[in-house]
Amino acid sequence: MPTFDIVSEVDMVEIRNATENTQRELTTRFDFRGVQASVELKDGVVTLTAESDFQCQQLLDMLSKNLVKRNVDPYVVDVDEEAEHRGKMFSLHVRFKQGIEQDMAKKIIKLLKDSKMKVQASIQGEKIRVNGKKRDDLQEAIALIRGADLGQPFQYENFRD
């Protein structure tokens, strides 16, 4: 019976590269000359630090631009609502969504069931395994999920006959 897994993963190497490119760009920007500002990646969280909230937003724009250049989907980025103020510095934390949460997994399974396709889906940790009798049914399921705007990018792996 053919199966495949639906996952949502982010390539941390690309995030590290985008962070380093943003740090490099920061050193060359005229509007950040003489300003204490930094971009750090630690434990999967990028911390943007600057002397004002506006400068934190500029750093976020620079990072976003570099993430897009590295083909990291903007849907995976989760940014704090407001910059955290400590002393004279502001910091903004950027996190990246990894894996499929339970509510999203249930939403995908409901989408597949409502479409009346001849596939079965089951939640397995942070993955969803989809199986069906024919390969064509699985390809239709992939097309359906790609077409639905669920607010998170998905990858399809372990496609087996």
N, C-alpha and C. Protein backbone atom coordinates (compact mmCIF):
# COMPACT_ATOMS: atom_id res chain seq x y z
N MET A 1 0.85 -1.19 0.00
CA MET A 1 0.00 0.00 0.00
C MET A 1 0.89 1.24 0.00
N PRO A 2 0.74 2.13 -0.99
CA PRO A 2 1.58 3.33 -1.06
C PRO A 2 1.34 4.28 0.11
N THR A 3 2.41 4.89 0.59
CA THR A 3 2.31 5.85 1.69
C THR A 3 3.28 7.01 1.46
N PHE A 4 3.04 8.09 2.18
CA PHE A 4 4.01 9.19 2.27
C PHE A 4 3.79 9.91 3.58
N ASP A 5 4.78 10.70 4.00
CA ASP A 5 4.70 11.47 5.23
C ASP A 5 4.64 12.96 4.90
N ILE A 6 3.82 13.68 5.67
CA ILE A 6 3.77 15.13 5.56
C ILE A 6 4.54 15.68 6.76
N VAL A 7 5.54 16.50 6.51
CA VAL A 7 6.34 17.09 7.59
C VAL A 7 6.46 18.59 7.35
N SER A 8 6.88 19.30 8.36
CA SER A 8 7.15 20.73 8.23
C SER A 8 8.48 21.00 8.95
N GLU A 9 9.52 21.13 8.17
CA GLU A 9 10.86 21.32 8.72
C GLU A 9 11.52 22.54 8.09
N VAL A 10 12.43 23.14 8.83
CA VAL A 10 13.18 24.29 8.35
C VAL A 10 14.65 23.90 8.34
N ASP A 11 15.34 24.27 7.28
CA ASP A 11 16.76 23.97 7.16
C ASP A 11 17.55 24.98 8.01
N MET A 12 18.07 24.52 9.14
CA MET A 12 18.78 25.42 10.06
C MET A 12 20.08 25.96 9.45
N VAL A 13 20.65 25.25 8.49
CA VAL A 13 21.86 25.74 7.82
C VAL A 13 21.53 27.02 7.05
N GLU A 14 20.39 27.03 6.38
CA GLU A 14 19.99 28.23 5.63
C GLU A 14 19.70 29.39 6.58
N ILE A 15 19.13 29.09 7.74
CA ILE A 15 18.85 30.13 8.73
C ILE A 15 20.16 30.70 9.26
N ARG A 16 21.13 29.83 9.52
CA ARG A 16 22.44 30.30 9.99
C ARG A 16 23.10 31.17 8.93
N ASN A 17 23.02 30.75 7.66
CA ASN A 17 23.60 31.55 6.57
C ASN A 17 22.93 32.92 6.47
N ALA A 18 21.61 32.94 6.57
CA ALA A 18 20.88 34.22 6.49
C ALA A 18 21.26 35.12 7.67
N THR A 19 21.43 34.52 8.85
CA THR A 19 21.82 35.30 10.03
C THR A 19 23.22 35.89 9.85
N GLU A 20 24.14 35.09 9.34
CA GLU A 20 25.50 35.59 9.11
C GLU A 20 25.53 36.67 8.04
N ASN A 21 24.71 36.51 6.99
CA ASN A 21 24.65 37.54 5.95
C ASN A 21 24.08 38.84 6.50
N THR A 22 23.09 38.73 7.39
CA THR A 22 22.51 39.92 8.01
C THR A 22 23.55 40.61 8.89
N GLN A 23 24.33 39.84 9.62
CA GLN A 23 25.39 40.41 10.48
C GLN A 23 26.43 41.13 9.61
N ARG A 24 26.78 40.53 8.48
CA ARG A 24 27.73 41.15 7.56
C ARG A 24 27.17 42.45 6.98
N GLU A 25 25.90 42.41 6.60
CA GLU A 25 25.25 43.60 6.04
C GLU A 25 25.16 44.71 7.08
N LEU A 26 24.97 44.33 8.34
CA LEU A 26 24.88 45.29 9.44
C LEU A 26 26.16 46.11 9.57
N THR A 27 27.31 45.47 9.35
CA THR A 27 28.59 46.18 9.48
C THR A 27 28.81 47.19 8.36
N THR A 28 28.11 47.01 7.23
CA THR A 28 28.32 47.92 6.10
C THR A 28 27.26 49.00 5.99
N ARG A 29 26.19 48.90 6.75
CA ARG A 29 25.09 49.86 6.64
C ARG A 29 25.47 51.19 7.29
N PHE A 30 25.24 52.27 6.56
CA PHE A 30 25.58 53.60 7.05
C PHE A 30 24.71 54.00 8.24
N ASP A 31 23.42 53.64 8.22
CA ASP A 31 22.52 54.05 9.29
C ASP A 31 22.78 53.30 10.61
N PHE A 32 23.63 52.28 10.60
CA PHE A 32 23.99 51.57 11.84
C PHE A 32 25.41 51.88 12.28
N ARG A 33 26.06 52.88 11.67
CA ARG A 33 27.40 53.26 12.06
C ARG A 33 27.38 53.90 13.44
N GLY A 34 28.21 53.41 14.35
CA GLY A 34 28.29 53.96 15.70
C GLY A 34 27.13 53.52 16.59
N VAL A 35 26.36 52.56 16.14
CA VAL A 35 25.21 52.07 16.91
C VAL A 35 25.52 50.66 17.38
N GLN A 36 25.18 50.37 18.63
CA GLN A 36 25.34 49.01 19.12
C GLN A 36 24.17 48.18 18.60
N ALA A 37 24.47 47.22 17.73
CA ALA A 37 23.43 46.36 17.18
C ALA A 37 24.06 45.00 16.87
N SER A 38 23.27 43.94 17.02
CA SER A 38 23.79 42.61 16.73
C SER A 38 22.67 41.67 16.30
N VAL A 39 23.10 40.62 15.60
CA VAL A 39 22.20 39.56 15.16
C VAL A 39 22.85 38.26 15.58
N GLU A 40 22.17 37.46 16.42
CA GLU A 40 22.75 36.21 16.92
C GLU A 40 21.78 35.06 16.73
N LEU A 41 22.32 33.90 16.38
CA LEU A 41 21.54 32.67 16.31
C LEU A 41 22.01 31.75 17.42
N LYS A 42 21.09 31.37 18.29
CA LYS A 42 21.43 30.48 19.39
C LYS A 42 20.23 29.58 19.68
N ASP A 43 20.45 28.29 19.67
CA ASP A 43 19.41 27.29 19.95
C ASP A 43 18.18 27.46 19.07
N GLY A 44 18.38 27.78 17.80
CA GLY A 44 17.27 27.90 16.87
C GLY A 44 16.48 29.19 16.98
N VAL A 45 16.95 30.15 17.77
CA VAL A 45 16.27 31.44 17.93
C VAL A 45 17.24 32.55 17.52
N VAL A 46 16.79 33.42 16.64
CA VAL A 46 17.61 34.56 16.23
C VAL A 46 17.22 35.74 17.11
N THR A 47 18.22 36.35 17.76
CA THR A 47 17.99 37.52 18.61
C THR A 47 18.55 38.75 17.92
N LEU A 48 17.67 39.71 17.69
CA LEU A 48 18.06 40.98 17.08
C LEU A 48 18.13 42.02 18.19
N THR A 49 19.28 42.65 18.36
CA THR A 49 19.48 43.62 19.44
C THR A 49 19.94 44.95 18.85
N ALA A 50 19.30 46.03 19.32
CA ALA A 50 19.68 47.38 18.85
C ALA A 50 19.31 48.39 19.92
N GLU A 51 19.67 49.67 19.68
CA GLU A 51 19.45 50.72 20.67
C GLU A 51 18.03 51.27 20.65
N SER A 52 17.26 50.99 19.59
CA SER A 52 15.88 51.48 19.54
C SER A 52 14.97 50.42 18.90
N ASP A 53 13.68 50.57 19.14
CA ASP A 53 12.70 49.65 18.58
C ASP A 53 12.70 49.73 17.05
N PHE A 54 12.82 50.94 16.52
CA PHE A 54 12.85 51.15 15.07
C PHE A 54 14.02 50.40 14.43
N GLN A 55 15.19 50.45 15.09
CA GLN A 55 16.36 49.76 14.56
C GLN A 55 16.18 48.25 14.61
N CYS A 56 15.47 47.75 15.64
CA CYS A 56 15.16 46.32 15.71
C CYS A 56 14.29 45.92 14.51
N GLN A 57 13.33 46.77 14.16
CA GLN A 57 12.47 46.48 13.00
C GLN A 57 13.28 46.51 11.70
N GLN A 58 14.26 47.40 11.62
CA GLN A 58 15.13 47.43 10.44
C GLN A 58 15.95 46.14 10.35
N LEU A 59 16.46 45.68 11.50
CA LEU A 59 17.20 44.42 11.51
C LEU A 59 16.31 43.26 11.08
N LEU A 60 15.05 43.28 11.53
CA LEU A 60 14.10 42.24 11.16
C LEU A 60 13.86 42.25 9.65
N ASP A 61 13.75 43.44 9.06
CA ASP A 61 13.58 43.54 7.61
C ASP A 61 14.80 42.99 6.87
N MET A 62 16.00 43.30 7.38
CA MET A 62 17.23 42.79 6.76
C MET A 62 17.26 41.26 6.85
N LEU A 63 16.91 40.72 8.02
CA LEU A 63 16.91 39.27 8.20
C LEU A 63 15.87 38.62 7.29
N SER A 64 14.69 39.20 7.22
CA SER A 64 13.63 38.64 6.37
C SER A 64 14.07 38.59 4.91
N LYS A 65 14.71 39.66 4.46
CA LYS A 65 15.19 39.72 3.08
C LYS A 65 16.21 38.61 2.83
N ASN A 66 17.11 38.39 3.79
CA ASN A 66 18.12 37.35 3.63
C ASN A 66 17.50 35.95 3.72
N LEU A 67 16.46 35.78 4.53
CA LEU A 67 15.78 34.48 4.60
C LEU A 67 15.09 34.16 3.28
N VAL A 68 14.48 35.17 2.67
CA VAL A 68 13.82 34.95 1.39
C VAL A 68 14.85 34.60 0.31
N LYS A 69 16.00 35.25 0.34
CA LYS A 69 17.07 34.93 -0.61
C LYS A 69 17.52 33.49 -0.46
N ARG A 70 17.45 32.96 0.76
CA ARG A 70 17.90 31.59 1.06
C ARG A 70 16.76 30.58 0.92
N ASN A 71 15.62 31.00 0.37
CA ASN A 71 14.45 30.14 0.14
C ASN A 71 13.84 29.57 1.41
N VAL A 72 13.86 30.37 2.48
CA VAL A 72 13.16 29.98 3.71
C VAL A 72 11.79 30.64 3.64
N ASP A 73 10.75 29.84 3.77
CA ASP A 73 9.38 30.33 3.63
C ASP A 73 9.04 31.31 4.75
N PRO A 74 8.45 32.47 4.43
CA PRO A 74 8.11 33.45 5.48
C PRO A 74 7.09 32.94 6.49
N TYR A 75 6.31 31.91 6.12
CA TYR A 75 5.31 31.36 7.04
C TYR A 75 5.95 30.71 8.28
N VAL A 76 7.21 30.28 8.20
CA VAL A 76 7.83 29.59 9.33
C VAL A 76 8.36 30.55 10.38
N VAL A 77 8.41 31.84 10.06
CA VAL A 77 8.97 32.83 10.97
C VAL A 77 7.93 33.24 12.00
N ASP A 78 8.30 33.20 13.28
CA ASP A 78 7.43 33.61 14.38
C ASP A 78 8.18 34.67 15.18
N VAL A 79 7.74 35.93 15.07
CA VAL A 79 8.43 37.07 15.68
C VAL A 79 7.64 37.55 16.89
N ASP A 80 8.35 38.01 17.93
CA ASP A 80 7.70 38.61 19.10
C ASP A 80 6.86 39.80 18.66
N GLU A 81 5.77 40.04 19.39
CA GLU A 81 4.90 41.18 19.08
C GLU A 81 5.63 42.51 19.28
N GLU A 82 6.28 42.65 20.44
CA GLU A 82 7.00 43.89 20.75
C GLU A 82 8.44 43.58 21.11
N ALA A 83 9.29 44.54 20.88
CA ALA A 83 10.69 44.38 21.25
C ALA A 83 10.82 44.45 22.78
N GLU A 84 11.65 43.59 23.32
CA GLU A 84 11.88 43.56 24.77
C GLU A 84 12.90 44.64 25.12
N HIS A 85 12.59 45.43 26.14
CA HIS A 85 13.45 46.56 26.52
C HIS A 85 14.23 46.19 27.78
N ARG A 86 15.56 46.20 27.66
CA ARG A 86 16.43 45.94 28.82
C ARG A 86 17.50 47.01 28.85
N GLY A 87 17.49 47.83 29.88
CA GLY A 87 18.47 48.92 29.97
C GLY A 87 18.28 49.88 28.82
N LYS A 88 19.35 50.09 28.04
CA LYS A 88 19.20 50.98 26.88
C LYS A 88 19.09 50.20 25.57
N MET A 89 18.95 48.87 25.67
CA MET A 89 18.88 48.04 24.47
C MET A 89 17.50 47.42 24.29
N PHE A 90 17.12 47.26 23.05
CA PHE A 90 15.88 46.57 22.68
C PHE A 90 16.27 45.27 22.00
N SER A 91 15.53 44.21 22.28
CA SER A 91 15.82 42.96 21.58
C SER A 91 14.52 42.31 21.10
N LEU A 92 14.64 41.67 19.97
CA LEU A 92 13.51 41.02 19.32
C LEU A 92 13.92 39.58 19.05
N HIS A 93 13.05 38.62 19.41
CA HIS A 93 13.36 37.21 19.23
C HIS A 93 12.57 36.67 18.04
N VAL A 94 13.28 35.98 17.15
CA VAL A 94 12.67 35.38 15.97
C VAL A 94 12.81 33.87 16.10
N ARG A 95 11.67 33.18 16.15
CA ARG A 95 11.66 31.72 16.26
C ARG A 95 11.17 31.13 14.94
N PHE A 96 11.43 29.86 14.74
CA PHE A 96 11.05 29.19 13.50
C PHE A 96 10.21 27.96 13.83
N LYS A 97 9.08 27.83 13.13
CA LYS A 97 8.17 26.71 13.38
C LYS A 97 8.76 25.43 12.82
N GLN A 98 8.87 24.44 13.68
CA GLN A 98 9.36 23.12 13.28
C GLN A 98 8.28 22.10 13.63
N GLY A 99 8.01 21.19 12.74
CA GLY A 99 7.04 20.14 13.00
C GLY A 99 5.61 20.62 12.81
N ILE A 100 4.69 19.68 12.86
CA ILE A 100 3.27 19.97 12.69
C ILE A 100 2.60 19.85 14.04
N GLU A 101 1.97 20.92 14.51
CA GLU A 101 1.27 20.89 15.80
C GLU A 101 -0.01 20.10 15.66
N GLN A 102 -0.56 19.66 16.81
CA GLN A 102 -1.76 18.82 16.84
C GLN A 102 -2.94 19.47 16.12
N ASP A 103 -3.20 20.77 16.36
CA ASP A 103 -4.37 21.41 15.72
C ASP A 103 -4.20 21.42 14.20
N MET A 104 -3.00 21.73 13.74
CA MET A 104 -2.75 21.76 12.29
C MET A 104 -2.90 20.36 11.71
N ALA A 105 -2.40 19.35 12.42
CA ALA A 105 -2.52 17.97 11.94
C ALA A 105 -3.99 17.57 11.83
N LYS A 106 -4.78 17.94 12.82
CA LYS A 106 -6.22 17.62 12.78
C LYS A 106 -6.89 18.34 11.62
N LYS A 107 -6.47 19.57 11.36
CA LYS A 107 -7.04 20.36 10.26
C LYS A 107 -6.74 19.68 8.91
N ILE A 108 -5.50 19.17 8.76
CA ILE A 108 -5.10 18.49 7.51
C ILE A 108 -5.90 17.20 7.33
N ILE A 109 -6.03 16.44 8.41
CA ILE A 109 -6.78 15.18 8.33
C ILE A 109 -8.24 15.45 7.99
N LYS A 110 -8.81 16.49 8.59
CA LYS A 110 -10.21 16.86 8.29
C LYS A 110 -10.34 17.27 6.83
N LEU A 111 -9.36 18.02 6.32
CA LEU A 111 -9.37 18.44 4.92
C LEU A 111 -9.38 17.22 4.00
N LEU A 112 -8.54 16.23 4.32
CA LEU A 112 -8.47 15.02 3.49
C LEU A 112 -9.77 14.22 3.57
N LYS A 113 -10.36 14.12 4.76
CA LYS A 113 -11.61 13.37 4.91
C LYS A 113 -12.76 14.07 4.21
N ASP A 114 -12.84 15.40 4.32
CA ASP A 114 -13.92 16.16 3.69
C ASP A 114 -13.86 16.11 2.16
N SER A 115 -12.67 15.86 1.62
CA SER A 115 -12.53 15.81 0.17
C SER A 115 -13.01 14.48 -0.41
N LYS A 116 -13.34 13.52 0.44
CA LYS A 116 -13.84 12.20 0.05
C LYS A 116 -12.83 11.42 -0.79
N MET A 117 -11.53 11.69 -0.58
CA MET A 117 -10.49 10.92 -1.26
C MET A 117 -10.36 9.57 -0.59
N LYS A 118 -9.85 8.63 -1.34
CA LYS A 118 -9.69 7.27 -0.80
C LYS A 118 -8.30 7.12 -0.17
N VAL A 119 -8.05 7.95 0.84
CA VAL A 119 -6.78 7.89 1.57
C VAL A 119 -7.09 7.93 3.06
N GLN A 120 -6.19 7.36 3.84
CA GLN A 120 -6.28 7.43 5.29
C GLN A 120 -5.06 8.18 5.81
N ALA A 121 -5.30 9.02 6.81
CA ALA A 121 -4.21 9.82 7.38
C ALA A 121 -4.17 9.56 8.88
N SER A 122 -2.95 9.50 9.43
CA SER A 122 -2.80 9.31 10.87
C SER A 122 -1.66 10.18 11.37
N ILE A 123 -1.84 10.69 12.59
CA ILE A 123 -0.82 11.54 13.21
C ILE A 123 0.23 10.65 13.85
N GLN A 124 1.49 10.93 13.56
CA GLN A 124 2.60 10.19 14.15
C GLN A 124 3.63 11.19 14.66
N GLY A 125 3.42 11.64 15.89
CA GLY A 125 4.32 12.64 16.48
C GLY A 125 4.13 13.97 15.79
N GLU A 126 5.18 14.45 15.14
CA GLU A 126 5.11 15.72 14.42
C GLU A 126 4.99 15.51 12.91
N LYS A 127 4.57 14.30 12.52
CA LYS A 127 4.37 13.96 11.11
C LYS A 127 2.95 13.48 10.92
N ILE A 128 2.53 13.46 9.68
CA ILE A 128 1.26 12.85 9.33
C ILE A 128 1.56 11.81 8.25
N ARG A 129 1.15 10.57 8.49
CA ARG A 129 1.35 9.52 7.49
C ARG A 129 0.04 9.36 6.72
N VAL A 130 0.14 9.40 5.41
CA VAL A 130 -1.02 9.25 4.55
C VAL A 130 -0.81 7.99 3.72
N ASN A 131 -1.83 7.10 3.70
CA ASN A 131 -1.72 5.92 2.85
C ASN A 131 -3.01 5.72 2.07
N GLY A 132 -2.89 5.08 0.92
CA GLY A 132 -4.01 4.84 0.04
C GLY A 132 -3.72 3.64 -0.83
N LYS A 133 -4.72 3.22 -1.59
CA LYS A 133 -4.55 2.03 -2.43
C LYS A 133 -3.78 2.33 -3.71
N LYS A 134 -3.95 3.55 -4.24
CA LYS A 134 -3.31 3.89 -5.50
C LYS A 134 -2.40 5.10 -5.33
N ARG A 135 -1.34 5.09 -6.10
CA ARG A 135 -0.39 6.20 -6.08
C ARG A 135 -1.06 7.50 -6.51
N ASP A 136 -1.98 7.43 -7.47
CA ASP A 136 -2.68 8.62 -7.97
C ASP A 136 -3.47 9.30 -6.85
N ASP A 137 -4.07 8.51 -5.96
CA ASP A 137 -4.83 9.09 -4.84
C ASP A 137 -3.91 9.90 -3.94
N LEU A 138 -2.70 9.38 -3.72
CA LEU A 138 -1.74 10.09 -2.87
C LEU A 138 -1.29 11.39 -3.55
N GLN A 139 -1.10 11.34 -4.85
CA GLN A 139 -0.69 12.56 -5.56
C GLN A 139 -1.80 13.60 -5.54
N GLU A 140 -3.05 13.16 -5.59
CA GLU A 140 -4.18 14.08 -5.46
C GLU A 140 -4.20 14.71 -4.06
N ALA A 141 -3.89 13.89 -3.05
CA ALA A 141 -3.86 14.39 -1.67
C ALA A 141 -2.78 15.46 -1.52
N ILE A 142 -1.61 15.23 -2.11
CA ILE A 142 -0.53 16.23 -2.06
C ILE A 142 -0.98 17.52 -2.75
N ALA A 143 -1.62 17.40 -3.91
CA ALA A 143 -2.09 18.57 -4.64
C ALA A 143 -3.14 19.33 -3.82
N LEU A 144 -4.01 18.61 -3.12
CA LEU A 144 -5.04 19.25 -2.30
C LEU A 144 -4.41 20.04 -1.16
N ILE A 145 -3.43 19.45 -0.49
CA ILE A 145 -2.78 20.12 0.65
C ILE A 145 -1.97 21.32 0.17
N ARG A 146 -1.31 21.19 -0.97
CA ARG A 146 -0.56 22.32 -1.52
C ARG A 146 -1.50 23.47 -1.90
N GLY A 147 -2.67 23.13 -2.41
CA GLY A 147 -3.63 24.13 -2.84
C GLY A 147 -4.31 24.85 -1.68
N ALA A 148 -4.43 24.17 -0.54
CA ALA A 148 -5.06 24.78 0.63
C ALA A 148 -4.06 25.71 1.31
N ASP A 149 -4.50 26.92 1.65
CA ASP A 149 -3.61 27.87 2.32
C ASP A 149 -3.73 27.63 3.82
N LEU A 150 -2.82 26.81 4.37
CA LEU A 150 -2.89 26.44 5.78
C LEU A 150 -1.96 27.28 6.65
N GLY A 151 -1.20 28.20 6.07
CA GLY A 151 -0.36 29.09 6.86
C GLY A 151 0.94 28.47 7.34
N GLN A 152 1.34 27.38 6.71
CA GLN A 152 2.59 26.71 7.08
C GLN A 152 3.06 25.90 5.87
N PRO A 153 4.35 25.92 5.57
CA PRO A 153 4.84 25.12 4.44
C PRO A 153 5.01 23.65 4.85
N PHE A 154 4.74 22.76 3.93
CA PHE A 154 4.87 21.33 4.20
C PHE A 154 5.78 20.69 3.18
N GLN A 155 6.48 19.65 3.61
CA GLN A 155 7.29 18.85 2.71
C GLN A 155 6.70 17.44 2.73
N TYR A 156 6.91 16.74 1.63
CA TYR A 156 6.35 15.39 1.48
C TYR A 156 7.53 14.45 1.28
N GLU A 157 7.65 13.47 2.15
CA GLU A 157 8.80 12.57 2.08
C GLU A 157 8.36 11.13 2.28
N ASN A 158 9.31 10.23 2.08
CA ASN A 158 9.10 8.78 2.21
C ASN A 158 7.95 8.29 1.34
N PHE A 159 7.88 8.79 0.11
CA PHE A 159 6.83 8.35 -0.80
C PHE A 159 7.20 6.93 -1.24
N ARG A 160 6.42 5.96 -0.80
CA ARG A 160 6.72 4.55 -1.08
C ARG A 160 5.54 3.88 -1.76
N ASP A 161 5.87 2.96 -2.65
CA ASP A 161 4.82 2.16 -3.30
C ASP A 161 4.55 0.89 -2.54
